[in-house]
Amino acid sequence: MAHNVYLYIFVMAGVTYLIRMLPLALSKKEITNNYIKSFLYYVPYACLAAMTFPAILDSTASIYSALVGLITAVVTAYKGKSLLIVALAACAAVFIAERILPFLC
């Protein structure tokens, strides 16, 4: 399982690098098209989301605790908190949910 995480990270890093590097390497002049610049700016975030979202739902003992953590992370990030606070809040929410869920089911 841990080897898959490293594989995901390396593939995501490679894809992100290639997508952002290839237009610069193939084009001799500066990219001025705002659409292309915007696309290249958001590629790392899209790749990261696409590769980590499935892992989020499979990383806990229950899909319900994973959803609690995901919702907590989304709400905390939406409120503008830092990445560290988002991660800590999501981990704490999953930890608490994992402790409470056996009593509810």
N, C-alpha and C. Protein backbone atom coordinates (compact mmCIF):
# COMPACT_ATOMS: atom_id res chain seq x y z
N MET A 1 0.82 -1.20 0.00
CA MET A 1 0.00 0.00 0.00
C MET A 1 0.87 1.26 0.00
N ALA A 2 1.92 1.27 0.81
CA ALA A 2 2.78 2.46 0.88
C ALA A 2 3.52 2.68 -0.43
N HIS A 3 3.83 1.59 -1.14
CA HIS A 3 4.53 1.74 -2.42
C HIS A 3 3.64 2.43 -3.44
N ASN A 4 2.33 2.21 -3.37
CA ASN A 4 1.41 2.87 -4.29
C ASN A 4 1.40 4.37 -4.08
N VAL A 5 1.53 4.81 -2.85
CA VAL A 5 1.53 6.24 -2.57
C VAL A 5 2.74 6.89 -3.22
N TYR A 6 3.90 6.26 -3.10
CA TYR A 6 5.09 6.82 -3.71
C TYR A 6 4.98 6.81 -5.23
N LEU A 7 4.39 5.77 -5.77
CA LEU A 7 4.18 5.71 -7.21
C LEU A 7 3.27 6.84 -7.66
N TYR A 8 2.18 7.08 -6.92
CA TYR A 8 1.28 8.19 -7.24
C TYR A 8 2.02 9.52 -7.23
N ILE A 9 2.84 9.72 -6.22
CA ILE A 9 3.57 10.98 -6.10
C ILE A 9 4.53 11.17 -7.26
N PHE A 10 5.27 10.14 -7.61
CA PHE A 10 6.22 10.26 -8.72
C PHE A 10 5.52 10.46 -10.06
N VAL A 11 4.43 9.75 -10.28
CA VAL A 11 3.69 9.92 -11.54
C VAL A 11 3.10 11.32 -11.61
N MET A 12 2.52 11.79 -10.52
CA MET A 12 1.94 13.12 -10.49
C MET A 12 3.00 14.19 -10.73
N ALA A 13 4.16 14.02 -10.11
CA ALA A 13 5.24 14.99 -10.31
C ALA A 13 5.72 14.98 -11.76
N GLY A 14 5.87 13.79 -12.33
CA GLY A 14 6.32 13.70 -13.72
C GLY A 14 5.32 14.29 -14.70
N VAL A 15 4.06 13.96 -14.53
CA VAL A 15 3.02 14.48 -15.43
C VAL A 15 2.92 16.00 -15.30
N THR A 16 2.93 16.48 -14.09
CA THR A 16 2.84 17.93 -13.87
C THR A 16 4.04 18.64 -14.49
N TYR A 17 5.21 18.10 -14.28
CA TYR A 17 6.42 18.71 -14.84
C TYR A 17 6.39 18.71 -16.36
N LEU A 18 6.05 17.58 -16.95
CA LEU A 18 6.04 17.49 -18.41
C LEU A 18 5.01 18.42 -19.03
N ILE A 19 3.82 18.49 -18.44
CA ILE A 19 2.78 19.35 -19.01
C ILE A 19 3.17 20.82 -18.93
N ARG A 20 3.85 21.20 -17.90
CA ARG A 20 4.26 22.60 -17.76
C ARG A 20 5.56 22.90 -18.50
N MET A 21 6.42 21.89 -18.66
CA MET A 21 7.71 22.12 -19.28
C MET A 21 7.65 22.03 -20.80
N LEU A 22 6.86 21.11 -21.35
CA LEU A 22 6.83 20.91 -22.80
C LEU A 22 6.47 22.16 -23.59
N PRO A 23 5.43 22.90 -23.24
CA PRO A 23 5.15 24.12 -24.03
C PRO A 23 6.30 25.11 -23.99
N LEU A 24 6.97 25.20 -22.85
CA LEU A 24 8.11 26.12 -22.76
C LEU A 24 9.30 25.64 -23.58
N ALA A 25 9.50 24.33 -23.61
CA ALA A 25 10.62 23.78 -24.37
C ALA A 25 10.35 23.82 -25.88
N LEU A 26 9.10 23.65 -26.28
CA LEU A 26 8.76 23.62 -27.70
C LEU A 26 8.55 25.01 -28.28
N SER A 27 8.28 25.98 -27.47
CA SER A 27 8.04 27.34 -27.93
C SER A 27 9.26 28.19 -27.60
N LYS A 28 9.71 28.94 -28.58
CA LYS A 28 10.90 29.79 -28.37
C LYS A 28 10.54 31.16 -27.81
N LYS A 29 9.27 31.55 -27.95
CA LYS A 29 8.89 32.86 -27.44
C LYS A 29 7.98 32.72 -26.22
N GLU A 30 7.77 33.81 -25.53
CA GLU A 30 6.96 33.80 -24.32
C GLU A 30 5.49 33.53 -24.66
N ILE A 31 4.83 32.76 -23.78
CA ILE A 31 3.42 32.46 -23.98
C ILE A 31 2.61 33.66 -23.50
N THR A 32 1.82 34.23 -24.41
CA THR A 32 1.04 35.41 -24.06
C THR A 32 -0.45 35.13 -23.98
N ASN A 33 -0.89 33.98 -24.46
CA ASN A 33 -2.30 33.63 -24.44
C ASN A 33 -2.73 33.38 -23.00
N ASN A 34 -3.71 34.15 -22.53
CA ASN A 34 -4.16 34.02 -21.14
C ASN A 34 -4.80 32.67 -20.86
N TYR A 35 -5.49 32.10 -21.86
CA TYR A 35 -6.12 30.80 -21.67
C TYR A 35 -5.06 29.73 -21.43
N ILE A 36 -4.02 29.72 -22.21
CA ILE A 36 -2.94 28.72 -22.06
C ILE A 36 -2.21 28.94 -20.74
N LYS A 37 -1.95 30.18 -20.38
CA LYS A 37 -1.29 30.48 -19.11
C LYS A 37 -2.13 29.99 -17.93
N SER A 38 -3.44 30.23 -18.01
CA SER A 38 -4.33 29.79 -16.95
C SER A 38 -4.37 28.27 -16.87
N PHE A 39 -4.43 27.62 -18.04
CA PHE A 39 -4.42 26.16 -18.08
C PHE A 39 -3.16 25.60 -17.43
N LEU A 40 -2.01 26.13 -17.79
CA LEU A 40 -0.75 25.65 -17.24
C LEU A 40 -0.63 25.94 -15.74
N TYR A 41 -1.26 27.01 -15.29
CA TYR A 41 -1.22 27.35 -13.87
C TYR A 41 -1.99 26.34 -13.03
N TYR A 42 -3.15 25.88 -13.52
CA TYR A 42 -4.00 25.00 -12.74
C TYR A 42 -3.73 23.51 -12.93
N VAL A 43 -2.85 23.13 -13.83
CA VAL A 43 -2.54 21.71 -14.07
C VAL A 43 -2.04 21.00 -12.82
N PRO A 44 -1.12 21.57 -12.05
CA PRO A 44 -0.66 20.84 -10.85
C PRO A 44 -1.78 20.56 -9.87
N TYR A 45 -2.69 21.50 -9.69
CA TYR A 45 -3.79 21.30 -8.75
C TYR A 45 -4.75 20.22 -9.25
N ALA A 46 -5.02 20.23 -10.55
CA ALA A 46 -5.92 19.23 -11.12
C ALA A 46 -5.31 17.83 -11.03
N CYS A 47 -4.02 17.71 -11.33
CA CYS A 47 -3.35 16.41 -11.23
C CYS A 47 -3.34 15.91 -9.79
N LEU A 48 -3.02 16.79 -8.88
CA LEU A 48 -2.99 16.40 -7.47
C LEU A 48 -4.36 15.94 -6.99
N ALA A 49 -5.39 16.67 -7.37
CA ALA A 49 -6.74 16.29 -6.96
C ALA A 49 -7.16 14.96 -7.57
N ALA A 50 -6.86 14.77 -8.85
CA ALA A 50 -7.26 13.53 -9.53
C ALA A 50 -6.54 12.31 -8.98
N MET A 51 -5.33 12.49 -8.50
CA MET A 51 -4.57 11.35 -8.01
C MET A 51 -4.80 11.09 -6.52
N THR A 52 -5.14 12.10 -5.76
CA THR A 52 -5.31 11.88 -4.33
C THR A 52 -6.75 11.61 -3.91
N PHE A 53 -7.73 12.06 -4.69
CA PHE A 53 -9.13 11.87 -4.29
C PHE A 53 -9.49 10.40 -4.09
N PRO A 54 -9.13 9.48 -5.01
CA PRO A 54 -9.46 8.07 -4.75
C PRO A 54 -8.76 7.52 -3.50
N ALA A 55 -7.54 7.99 -3.26
CA ALA A 55 -6.81 7.52 -2.08
C ALA A 55 -7.45 8.02 -0.79
N ILE A 56 -8.07 9.18 -0.84
CA ILE A 56 -8.74 9.72 0.35
C ILE A 56 -9.84 8.77 0.81
N LEU A 57 -10.61 8.27 -0.14
CA LEU A 57 -11.76 7.44 0.21
C LEU A 57 -11.36 6.01 0.60
N ASP A 58 -10.17 5.57 0.24
CA ASP A 58 -9.72 4.22 0.56
C ASP A 58 -8.74 4.16 1.74
N SER A 59 -8.37 5.29 2.30
CA SER A 59 -7.28 5.29 3.27
C SER A 59 -7.72 5.04 4.71
N THR A 60 -9.01 5.00 4.96
CA THR A 60 -9.48 4.79 6.33
C THR A 60 -10.19 3.45 6.43
N ALA A 61 -10.57 3.09 7.64
CA ALA A 61 -11.24 1.81 7.85
C ALA A 61 -12.67 1.82 7.33
N SER A 62 -13.25 2.99 7.20
CA SER A 62 -14.65 3.11 6.78
C SER A 62 -14.79 4.26 5.79
N ILE A 63 -15.67 4.09 4.84
CA ILE A 63 -15.95 5.16 3.87
C ILE A 63 -16.56 6.37 4.59
N TYR A 64 -17.29 6.12 5.67
CA TYR A 64 -17.93 7.21 6.41
C TYR A 64 -16.92 8.10 7.11
N SER A 65 -15.91 7.51 7.71
CA SER A 65 -14.88 8.34 8.34
C SER A 65 -14.06 9.09 7.29
N ALA A 66 -13.88 8.47 6.12
CA ALA A 66 -13.19 9.16 5.04
C ALA A 66 -14.00 10.36 4.56
N LEU A 67 -15.30 10.21 4.47
CA LEU A 67 -16.16 11.32 4.06
C LEU A 67 -16.17 12.43 5.11
N VAL A 68 -16.13 12.06 6.38
CA VAL A 68 -16.05 13.06 7.45
C VAL A 68 -14.76 13.87 7.30
N GLY A 69 -13.65 13.19 7.07
CA GLY A 69 -12.38 13.88 6.87
C GLY A 69 -12.37 14.75 5.63
N LEU A 70 -12.93 14.24 4.54
CA LEU A 70 -12.99 15.00 3.29
C LEU A 70 -13.83 16.26 3.46
N ILE A 71 -14.98 16.12 4.06
CA ILE A 71 -15.85 17.28 4.26
C ILE A 71 -15.19 18.30 5.19
N THR A 72 -14.55 17.81 6.22
CA THR A 72 -13.84 18.71 7.14
C THR A 72 -12.73 19.46 6.41
N ALA A 73 -11.97 18.76 5.57
CA ALA A 73 -10.89 19.41 4.83
C ALA A 73 -11.43 20.45 3.86
N VAL A 74 -12.50 20.13 3.16
CA VAL A 74 -13.08 21.07 2.20
C VAL A 74 -13.60 22.31 2.90
N VAL A 75 -14.32 22.13 3.99
CA VAL A 75 -14.87 23.28 4.73
C VAL A 75 -13.75 24.13 5.30
N THR A 76 -12.75 23.50 5.88
CA THR A 76 -11.64 24.25 6.47
C THR A 76 -10.86 25.01 5.40
N ALA A 77 -10.62 24.37 4.27
CA ALA A 77 -9.91 25.04 3.17
C ALA A 77 -10.75 26.18 2.60
N TYR A 78 -12.05 25.97 2.50
CA TYR A 78 -12.93 27.02 1.98
C TYR A 78 -12.92 28.26 2.88
N LYS A 79 -12.73 28.05 4.16
CA LYS A 79 -12.66 29.17 5.10
C LYS A 79 -11.31 29.89 5.04
N GLY A 80 -10.40 29.41 4.21
CA GLY A 80 -9.12 30.10 4.00
C GLY A 80 -8.03 29.73 4.97
N LYS A 81 -8.16 28.62 5.64
CA LYS A 81 -7.14 28.20 6.60
C LYS A 81 -5.91 27.68 5.86
N SER A 82 -4.79 27.63 6.54
CA SER A 82 -3.55 27.16 5.92
C SER A 82 -3.59 25.65 5.69
N LEU A 83 -2.68 25.18 4.86
CA LEU A 83 -2.63 23.76 4.53
C LEU A 83 -2.40 22.91 5.78
N LEU A 84 -1.57 23.38 6.68
CA LEU A 84 -1.31 22.64 7.92
C LEU A 84 -2.58 22.51 8.76
N ILE A 85 -3.33 23.57 8.88
CA ILE A 85 -4.57 23.54 9.66
C ILE A 85 -5.59 22.62 8.99
N VAL A 86 -5.68 22.67 7.68
CA VAL A 86 -6.61 21.81 6.95
C VAL A 86 -6.26 20.34 7.18
N ALA A 87 -4.98 20.01 7.06
CA ALA A 87 -4.55 18.62 7.24
C ALA A 87 -4.78 18.15 8.68
N LEU A 88 -4.45 18.99 9.65
CA LEU A 88 -4.65 18.61 11.04
C LEU A 88 -6.12 18.45 11.39
N ALA A 89 -6.95 19.34 10.87
CA ALA A 89 -8.40 19.24 11.13
C ALA A 89 -8.98 17.98 10.50
N ALA A 90 -8.57 17.65 9.28
CA ALA A 90 -9.07 16.45 8.62
C ALA A 90 -8.61 15.20 9.36
N CYS A 91 -7.35 15.17 9.78
CA CYS A 91 -6.85 14.02 10.54
C CYS A 91 -7.59 13.86 11.87
N ALA A 92 -7.81 14.96 12.54
CA ALA A 92 -8.54 14.90 13.82
C ALA A 92 -9.97 14.44 13.61
N ALA A 93 -10.61 14.91 12.55
CA ALA A 93 -11.98 14.51 12.27
C ALA A 93 -12.07 13.01 11.96
N VAL A 94 -11.12 12.50 11.20
CA VAL A 94 -11.11 11.07 10.90
C VAL A 94 -10.84 10.26 12.16
N PHE A 95 -9.91 10.72 12.97
CA PHE A 95 -9.59 10.02 14.21
C PHE A 95 -10.82 9.92 15.11
N ILE A 96 -11.52 11.04 15.28
CA ILE A 96 -12.72 11.05 16.12
C ILE A 96 -13.81 10.18 15.50
N ALA A 97 -13.99 10.29 14.19
CA ALA A 97 -15.03 9.49 13.51
C ALA A 97 -14.73 8.00 13.63
N GLU A 98 -13.48 7.61 13.54
CA GLU A 98 -13.11 6.20 13.66
C GLU A 98 -13.41 5.69 15.08
N ARG A 99 -13.31 6.56 16.07
CA ARG A 99 -13.60 6.15 17.45
C ARG A 99 -15.10 6.09 17.73
N ILE A 100 -15.88 6.96 17.08
CA ILE A 100 -17.32 7.04 17.34
C ILE A 100 -18.12 6.05 16.49
N LEU A 101 -17.72 5.82 15.26
CA LEU A 101 -18.50 4.99 14.35
C LEU A 101 -18.81 3.58 14.86
N PRO A 102 -17.88 2.88 15.53
CA PRO A 102 -18.24 1.54 16.02
C PRO A 102 -19.41 1.54 17.01
N PHE A 103 -19.57 2.63 17.74
CA PHE A 103 -20.67 2.70 18.68
C PHE A 103 -21.99 3.02 18.00
N LEU A 104 -21.94 3.67 16.85
CA LEU A 104 -23.16 4.03 16.13
C LEU A 104 -23.71 2.89 15.27
N CYS A 105 -22.84 2.01 14.85
CA CYS A 105 -23.27 0.93 13.96
C CYS A 105 -23.55 -0.35 14.71
